[in-house]
Every structure is written in C-alpha cells, then in structure tokens.
C-alpha cells in the first residue's frame, strides 16, 4: 500500500459538517474494507469485498421499528476495473482529448486536505484551508 499504516482525522467543514476518516493496515482487527457515511437522518454503507454484485445500503433510524435497512443501489462491479479506473480514465483522456473525471483542481484539493491533516498532526491544532 502507498498509504499510512493507520490514521484518524476529523475534518470540520464550513456549514457545520464534520467528517471522520479512519484508515488502518496491519492492525489487530478483522480485515474489513468499507465506506460508511453517517448523517442526521441515516447512513450509507458499502462493503468493498470484490464480489461481482455490489449493494450500497441505507440505514435509517425510525421511532417505531428501530434501524431499518434497504438497498439504495445495487449493481455489478468489476474489482479490477474499480482500482484500474482512474488510470484507465487518465489514459483515455490523453488519447481522446476529453478531460479526465478527476481533474487537476480536485486532485489538488485532496492534496491540500492531506497536507492540512499532516500539519495538524505536527502542530496539534486545527488548520484552516483557504
């Protein structure tokens, strides 16, 4: 992997939204590869297992039935294509002249966010992004 062995970051955004991001490798825990997005009215979860059929679940808290889950999206996935997708998209952009899906502006935004996380860890304080 080209990522850190373990990190946790809290990202506070304008408008009061807070993102909690955690990634870990080589941990004393069962292997899991998943995304979970939690909001005020429910959450989305996606387990990335490389299975051909993918389901994005929506979990919603209800007053009468507790947590209710339903499939928000289902589709076929090609695990190799998911990981090769950005490279394939970039190569296609070069060959066709069509802009890539992830443009330089988005890539730089992610890099600025990553740099801010490192800076916050180094200083122990919040870092504002312009």
N, C-alpha and C. Protein backbone atom coordinates (compact mmCIF):
# COMPACT_ATOMS: atom_id res chain seq x y z
N UNK A 1 0.84 -1.18 0.00
CA UNK A 1 0.00 0.00 0.00
C UNK A 1 0.88 1.24 0.00
N UNK A 2 0.34 2.32 -0.53
CA UNK A 2 1.08 3.57 -0.55
C UNK A 2 0.53 4.55 0.49
N UNK A 3 -0.22 4.03 1.45
CA UNK A 3 -0.84 4.89 2.46
C UNK A 3 -0.22 4.63 3.82
N UNK A 4 -0.61 5.45 4.77
CA UNK A 4 -0.14 5.30 6.14
C UNK A 4 -0.63 3.97 6.73
N UNK A 5 0.08 3.46 7.73
CA UNK A 5 -0.34 2.24 8.38
C UNK A 5 -1.64 2.45 9.15
N UNK A 6 -1.79 3.60 9.81
CA UNK A 6 -3.04 3.92 10.50
C UNK A 6 -3.17 5.41 10.68
N UNK A 7 -4.35 5.92 10.39
CA UNK A 7 -4.61 7.33 10.68
C UNK A 7 -6.09 7.54 10.96
N UNK A 8 -6.36 8.56 11.73
CA UNK A 8 -7.71 9.03 12.00
C UNK A 8 -7.68 10.55 11.87
N UNK A 9 -8.67 11.10 11.21
CA UNK A 9 -8.73 12.55 11.05
C UNK A 9 -10.16 13.03 11.22
N UNK A 10 -10.32 14.14 11.91
CA UNK A 10 -11.60 14.84 11.98
C UNK A 10 -11.46 16.08 11.12
N UNK A 11 -12.38 16.24 10.19
CA UNK A 11 -12.33 17.37 9.27
C UNK A 11 -13.59 18.19 9.47
N UNK A 12 -13.43 19.42 9.96
CA UNK A 12 -14.57 20.31 10.19
C UNK A 12 -14.73 21.23 8.99
N UNK A 13 -15.91 21.20 8.38
CA UNK A 13 -16.17 21.97 7.17
C UNK A 13 -17.05 23.17 7.47
N UNK A 14 -17.02 24.14 6.55
CA UNK A 14 -17.95 25.26 6.66
C UNK A 14 -19.37 24.70 6.67
N UNK A 15 -20.24 25.36 7.40
CA UNK A 15 -21.62 24.92 7.48
C UNK A 15 -21.88 23.89 8.57
N UNK A 16 -20.85 23.55 9.35
CA UNK A 16 -21.04 22.66 10.49
C UNK A 16 -20.88 21.18 10.21
N UNK A 17 -20.58 20.79 9.00
CA UNK A 17 -20.39 19.37 8.69
C UNK A 17 -19.03 18.93 9.21
N UNK A 18 -18.99 17.75 9.86
CA UNK A 18 -17.74 17.18 10.36
C UNK A 18 -17.57 15.80 9.74
N UNK A 19 -16.41 15.57 9.14
CA UNK A 19 -16.10 14.27 8.57
C UNK A 19 -15.11 13.56 9.49
N UNK A 20 -15.34 12.30 9.73
CA UNK A 20 -14.41 11.47 10.49
C UNK A 20 -13.90 10.41 9.52
N UNK A 21 -12.58 10.39 9.31
CA UNK A 21 -11.97 9.47 8.37
C UNK A 21 -10.99 8.60 9.14
N UNK A 22 -11.05 7.29 8.93
CA UNK A 22 -10.10 6.38 9.57
C UNK A 22 -9.68 5.33 8.56
N UNK A 23 -8.38 5.05 8.56
CA UNK A 23 -7.83 4.02 7.69
C UNK A 23 -6.73 3.31 8.45
N UNK A 24 -6.71 2.02 8.36
CA UNK A 24 -5.67 1.28 9.07
C UNK A 24 -5.28 0.01 8.35
N UNK A 25 -4.02 -0.36 8.50
CA UNK A 25 -3.49 -1.61 7.99
C UNK A 25 -2.67 -2.25 9.11
N UNK A 26 -2.48 -3.54 9.01
CA UNK A 26 -1.64 -4.27 9.96
C UNK A 26 -2.10 -4.04 11.39
N UNK A 27 -3.42 -4.08 11.58
CA UNK A 27 -3.99 -3.86 12.91
C UNK A 27 -4.47 -5.18 13.47
N UNK A 28 -4.59 -5.25 14.78
CA UNK A 28 -5.13 -6.44 15.44
C UNK A 28 -6.66 -6.38 15.35
N UNK A 29 -7.17 -6.54 14.14
CA UNK A 29 -8.61 -6.46 13.90
C UNK A 29 -8.92 -7.30 12.67
N UNK A 30 -10.16 -7.75 12.58
CA UNK A 30 -10.58 -8.49 11.40
C UNK A 30 -10.48 -7.59 10.17
N UNK A 31 -10.09 -8.17 9.07
CA UNK A 31 -9.95 -7.41 7.83
C UNK A 31 -11.31 -6.92 7.36
N UNK A 32 -11.35 -5.64 6.99
CA UNK A 32 -12.58 -5.04 6.50
C UNK A 32 -12.21 -3.93 5.54
N UNK A 33 -12.95 -3.84 4.47
CA UNK A 33 -12.76 -2.76 3.53
C UNK A 33 -14.14 -2.18 3.26
N UNK A 34 -14.41 -1.04 3.86
CA UNK A 34 -15.77 -0.50 3.80
C UNK A 34 -15.76 1.02 3.87
N UNK A 35 -16.82 1.59 3.33
CA UNK A 35 -17.12 3.02 3.47
C UNK A 35 -18.40 3.14 4.24
N UNK A 36 -18.47 4.10 5.14
CA UNK A 36 -19.71 4.40 5.85
C UNK A 36 -19.83 5.92 5.92
N UNK A 37 -20.97 6.41 5.48
CA UNK A 37 -21.26 7.84 5.54
C UNK A 37 -22.46 8.00 6.45
N UNK A 38 -22.28 8.70 7.57
CA UNK A 38 -23.33 8.85 8.57
C UNK A 38 -23.82 10.28 8.58
N UNK A 39 -25.13 10.45 8.53
CA UNK A 39 -25.73 11.78 8.56
C UNK A 39 -26.79 11.87 9.64
N UNK A 40 -27.50 12.97 9.65
CA UNK A 40 -28.53 13.19 10.67
C UNK A 40 -29.72 12.25 10.53
N UNK A 41 -30.04 11.84 9.32
CA UNK A 41 -31.23 11.04 9.08
C UNK A 41 -30.95 9.59 8.72
N UNK A 42 -29.70 9.21 8.73
CA UNK A 42 -29.37 7.83 8.39
C UNK A 42 -27.93 7.71 7.96
N UNK A 43 -27.60 6.55 7.41
CA UNK A 43 -26.23 6.32 6.96
C UNK A 43 -26.24 5.46 5.71
N UNK A 44 -25.15 5.57 4.96
CA UNK A 44 -24.91 4.71 3.81
C UNK A 44 -23.72 3.84 4.14
N UNK A 45 -23.76 2.58 3.71
CA UNK A 45 -22.61 1.71 3.93
C UNK A 45 -22.36 0.86 2.70
N UNK A 46 -21.10 0.70 2.40
CA UNK A 46 -20.66 -0.08 1.25
C UNK A 46 -19.47 -0.91 1.69
N UNK A 47 -19.61 -2.21 1.62
CA UNK A 47 -18.51 -3.11 1.91
C UNK A 47 -17.87 -3.48 0.58
N UNK A 48 -16.58 -3.21 0.46
CA UNK A 48 -15.86 -3.45 -0.79
C UNK A 48 -15.11 -4.78 -0.69
N UNK A 49 -15.75 -5.83 -1.14
CA UNK A 49 -15.17 -7.17 -1.00
C UNK A 49 -14.69 -7.77 -2.30
N UNK A 50 -14.94 -7.10 -3.41
CA UNK A 50 -14.53 -7.66 -4.68
C UNK A 50 -15.55 -8.63 -5.24
N UNK A 51 -16.73 -8.70 -4.63
CA UNK A 51 -17.79 -9.56 -5.15
C UNK A 51 -18.35 -8.93 -6.42
N UNK A 52 -18.86 -9.75 -7.33
CA UNK A 52 -19.39 -9.18 -8.57
C UNK A 52 -20.65 -8.32 -8.37
N UNK A 53 -21.41 -8.60 -7.33
CA UNK A 53 -22.64 -7.83 -7.06
C UNK A 53 -22.38 -6.91 -5.88
N UNK A 54 -22.60 -5.61 -6.05
CA UNK A 54 -22.36 -4.63 -5.00
C UNK A 54 -23.68 -4.02 -4.56
N UNK A 55 -23.81 -3.82 -3.25
CA UNK A 55 -25.00 -3.18 -2.70
C UNK A 55 -24.57 -2.03 -1.81
N UNK A 56 -25.15 -0.85 -2.03
CA UNK A 56 -24.98 0.27 -1.12
C UNK A 56 -26.23 0.30 -0.25
N UNK A 57 -26.04 0.14 1.05
CA UNK A 57 -27.17 0.07 1.99
C UNK A 57 -27.46 1.43 2.61
N UNK A 58 -28.72 1.73 2.78
CA UNK A 58 -29.15 2.92 3.51
C UNK A 58 -29.78 2.44 4.81
N UNK A 59 -29.21 2.84 5.93
CA UNK A 59 -29.74 2.51 7.26
C UNK A 59 -30.40 3.76 7.81
N UNK A 60 -31.64 3.62 8.25
CA UNK A 60 -32.40 4.76 8.76
C UNK A 60 -33.00 4.41 10.10
N UNK A 61 -32.86 5.30 11.07
CA UNK A 61 -33.48 5.12 12.38
C UNK A 61 -34.93 5.56 12.35
N UNK A 62 -35.82 4.67 12.76
CA UNK A 62 -37.25 5.01 12.80
C UNK A 62 -37.75 4.90 14.23
N UNK A 63 -38.73 5.72 14.62
CA UNK A 63 -39.21 5.67 16.00
C UNK A 63 -39.94 4.37 16.35
N UNK A 64 -40.56 3.75 15.38
CA UNK A 64 -41.35 2.57 15.69
C UNK A 64 -40.64 1.24 15.43
N UNK A 65 -39.68 1.19 14.48
CA UNK A 65 -39.04 -0.08 14.14
C UNK A 65 -37.53 -0.11 14.38
N UNK A 66 -36.97 0.96 14.94
CA UNK A 66 -35.52 1.00 15.14
C UNK A 66 -34.82 1.24 13.82
N UNK A 67 -33.67 0.60 13.62
CA UNK A 67 -32.91 0.80 12.40
C UNK A 67 -33.49 -0.08 11.28
N UNK A 68 -33.83 0.57 10.18
CA UNK A 68 -34.37 -0.13 9.01
C UNK A 68 -33.37 0.04 7.88
N UNK A 69 -33.04 -1.07 7.21
CA UNK A 69 -32.07 -1.04 6.12
C UNK A 69 -32.75 -1.39 4.80
N UNK A 70 -32.35 -0.68 3.76
CA UNK A 70 -32.79 -1.06 2.42
C UNK A 70 -31.66 -0.75 1.43
N UNK A 71 -31.70 -1.44 0.31
CA UNK A 71 -30.68 -1.25 -0.72
C UNK A 71 -30.94 0.08 -1.43
N UNK A 72 -29.98 1.00 -1.35
CA UNK A 72 -30.10 2.28 -2.04
C UNK A 72 -29.62 2.15 -3.48
N UNK A 73 -28.71 1.22 -3.72
CA UNK A 73 -28.20 0.97 -5.07
C UNK A 73 -27.64 -0.44 -5.12
N UNK A 74 -27.87 -1.11 -6.23
CA UNK A 74 -27.29 -2.43 -6.48
C UNK A 74 -26.75 -2.45 -7.90
N UNK A 75 -25.64 -3.10 -8.10
CA UNK A 75 -25.09 -3.18 -9.44
C UNK A 75 -23.93 -4.14 -9.52
N UNK A 76 -23.51 -4.36 -10.73
CA UNK A 76 -22.38 -5.25 -10.99
C UNK A 76 -21.09 -4.45 -10.84
N UNK A 77 -20.11 -5.05 -10.21
CA UNK A 77 -18.80 -4.42 -10.03
C UNK A 77 -17.72 -5.32 -10.54
N UNK A 78 -16.72 -4.73 -11.09
CA UNK A 78 -15.52 -5.43 -11.50
C UNK A 78 -14.40 -4.88 -10.63
N UNK A 79 -13.96 -5.66 -9.64
CA UNK A 79 -12.99 -5.18 -8.65
C UNK A 79 -11.72 -4.64 -9.32
N UNK A 80 -11.25 -5.31 -10.36
CA UNK A 80 -10.04 -4.84 -11.04
C UNK A 80 -10.30 -3.50 -11.72
N UNK A 81 -11.47 -3.33 -12.32
CA UNK A 81 -11.78 -2.08 -13.01
C UNK A 81 -11.90 -0.92 -12.02
N UNK A 82 -12.40 -1.19 -10.81
CA UNK A 82 -12.52 -0.13 -9.80
C UNK A 82 -11.15 0.45 -9.48
N UNK A 83 -10.17 -0.43 -9.30
CA UNK A 83 -8.84 0.05 -8.94
C UNK A 83 -8.06 0.56 -10.14
N UNK A 84 -8.35 0.03 -11.32
CA UNK A 84 -7.67 0.50 -12.52
C UNK A 84 -8.38 1.70 -13.13
N UNK A 85 -9.60 1.96 -12.70
CA UNK A 85 -10.43 3.01 -13.29
C UNK A 85 -9.76 4.36 -13.43
N UNK A 86 -9.15 4.91 -12.38
CA UNK A 86 -8.51 6.22 -12.53
C UNK A 86 -7.38 6.22 -13.56
N UNK A 87 -6.60 5.15 -13.61
CA UNK A 87 -5.51 5.08 -14.58
C UNK A 87 -6.07 4.95 -15.99
N UNK A 88 -7.08 4.08 -16.15
CA UNK A 88 -7.72 3.89 -17.45
C UNK A 88 -8.37 5.19 -17.92
N UNK A 89 -9.06 5.88 -17.01
CA UNK A 89 -9.70 7.15 -17.35
C UNK A 89 -8.66 8.19 -17.78
N UNK A 90 -7.54 8.26 -17.07
CA UNK A 90 -6.49 9.22 -17.40
C UNK A 90 -5.89 8.91 -18.77
N UNK A 91 -5.63 7.62 -19.04
CA UNK A 91 -5.09 7.23 -20.34
C UNK A 91 -6.07 7.55 -21.46
N UNK A 92 -7.36 7.30 -21.23
CA UNK A 92 -8.38 7.62 -22.23
C UNK A 92 -8.44 9.12 -22.48
N UNK A 93 -8.26 9.91 -21.43
CA UNK A 93 -8.27 11.37 -21.58
C UNK A 93 -7.12 11.83 -22.47
N UNK A 94 -5.96 11.22 -22.30
CA UNK A 94 -4.81 11.57 -23.14
C UNK A 94 -5.08 11.19 -24.59
N UNK A 95 -5.62 9.98 -24.80
CA UNK A 95 -5.84 9.50 -26.16
C UNK A 95 -6.96 10.23 -26.89
N UNK A 96 -8.00 10.63 -26.17
CA UNK A 96 -9.17 11.23 -26.81
C UNK A 96 -9.24 12.75 -26.68
N UNK A 97 -8.47 13.31 -25.75
CA UNK A 97 -8.53 14.75 -25.53
C UNK A 97 -9.69 15.18 -24.66
N UNK A 98 -10.46 14.23 -24.14
CA UNK A 98 -11.58 14.52 -23.24
C UNK A 98 -11.01 14.68 -21.83
N UNK A 99 -11.46 15.67 -21.06
CA UNK A 99 -10.93 15.84 -19.70
C UNK A 99 -11.17 14.59 -18.84
N UNK A 100 -10.21 14.25 -17.97
CA UNK A 100 -10.43 13.11 -17.06
C UNK A 100 -11.51 13.44 -16.04
N UNK A 101 -12.12 12.41 -15.48
CA UNK A 101 -13.18 12.61 -14.48
C UNK A 101 -12.65 13.34 -13.25
N UNK A 102 -11.44 13.01 -12.84
CA UNK A 102 -10.81 13.71 -11.72
C UNK A 102 -9.82 14.70 -12.31
N UNK A 103 -10.21 15.95 -12.29
CA UNK A 103 -9.35 16.96 -12.89
C UNK A 103 -8.29 17.43 -11.89
N UNK A 104 -7.41 18.29 -12.37
CA UNK A 104 -6.31 18.78 -11.54
C UNK A 104 -6.83 19.53 -10.32
N UNK A 105 -7.91 20.29 -10.48
CA UNK A 105 -8.49 21.04 -9.36
C UNK A 105 -8.88 20.10 -8.22
N UNK A 106 -9.56 19.02 -8.53
CA UNK A 106 -9.97 18.05 -7.49
C UNK A 106 -8.77 17.35 -6.88
N UNK A 107 -7.81 16.99 -7.71
CA UNK A 107 -6.60 16.34 -7.19
C UNK A 107 -5.85 17.26 -6.24
N UNK A 108 -5.75 18.54 -6.58
CA UNK A 108 -5.06 19.50 -5.72
C UNK A 108 -5.83 19.72 -4.41
N UNK A 109 -7.14 19.70 -4.48
CA UNK A 109 -7.96 19.84 -3.27
C UNK A 109 -7.67 18.70 -2.29
N UNK A 110 -7.62 17.48 -2.80
CA UNK A 110 -7.32 16.32 -1.95
C UNK A 110 -5.90 16.44 -1.39
N UNK A 111 -4.95 16.92 -2.21
CA UNK A 111 -3.58 17.08 -1.72
C UNK A 111 -3.51 18.14 -0.62
N UNK A 112 -4.23 19.25 -0.79
CA UNK A 112 -4.26 20.31 0.24
C UNK A 112 -4.85 19.77 1.53
N UNK A 113 -5.90 18.97 1.42
CA UNK A 113 -6.53 18.37 2.60
C UNK A 113 -5.55 17.42 3.29
N UNK A 114 -4.85 16.61 2.52
CA UNK A 114 -3.85 15.69 3.08
C UNK A 114 -2.74 16.46 3.78
N UNK A 115 -2.25 17.50 3.14
CA UNK A 115 -1.20 18.32 3.75
C UNK A 115 -1.69 18.96 5.05
N UNK A 116 -2.95 19.40 5.08
CA UNK A 116 -3.52 20.01 6.30
C UNK A 116 -3.61 18.98 7.42
N UNK A 117 -3.95 17.74 7.10
CA UNK A 117 -4.01 16.69 8.12
C UNK A 117 -2.62 16.48 8.72
N UNK A 118 -1.60 16.40 7.88
CA UNK A 118 -0.23 16.25 8.39
C UNK A 118 0.18 17.45 9.23
N UNK A 119 -0.15 18.65 8.79
CA UNK A 119 0.19 19.86 9.52
C UNK A 119 -0.50 19.89 10.88
N UNK A 120 -1.76 19.49 10.92
CA UNK A 120 -2.50 19.45 12.17
C UNK A 120 -1.88 18.44 13.14
N UNK A 121 -1.46 17.29 12.60
CA UNK A 121 -0.82 16.28 13.45
C UNK A 121 0.50 16.80 14.00
N UNK A 122 1.24 17.54 13.19
CA UNK A 122 2.53 18.08 13.60
C UNK A 122 2.39 19.16 14.67
N UNK A 123 1.38 20.04 14.50
CA UNK A 123 1.23 21.18 15.41
C UNK A 123 0.29 20.91 16.57
N UNK A 124 -0.56 19.91 16.41
CA UNK A 124 -1.55 19.62 17.46
C UNK A 124 -2.74 20.55 17.45
N UNK A 125 -2.89 21.32 16.38
CA UNK A 125 -4.00 22.28 16.30
C UNK A 125 -4.75 22.18 14.99
N UNK A 126 -5.83 22.92 14.91
CA UNK A 126 -6.63 22.97 13.69
C UNK A 126 -5.88 23.74 12.61
N UNK A 127 -6.12 23.37 11.37
CA UNK A 127 -5.52 24.05 10.23
C UNK A 127 -6.64 24.51 9.31
N UNK A 128 -6.63 25.79 8.98
CA UNK A 128 -7.64 26.33 8.08
C UNK A 128 -7.16 26.18 6.63
N UNK A 129 -8.08 25.79 5.77
CA UNK A 129 -7.78 25.75 4.34
C UNK A 129 -8.46 26.95 3.69
N UNK A 130 -7.69 27.71 2.91
CA UNK A 130 -8.30 28.88 2.24
C UNK A 130 -9.28 28.45 1.17
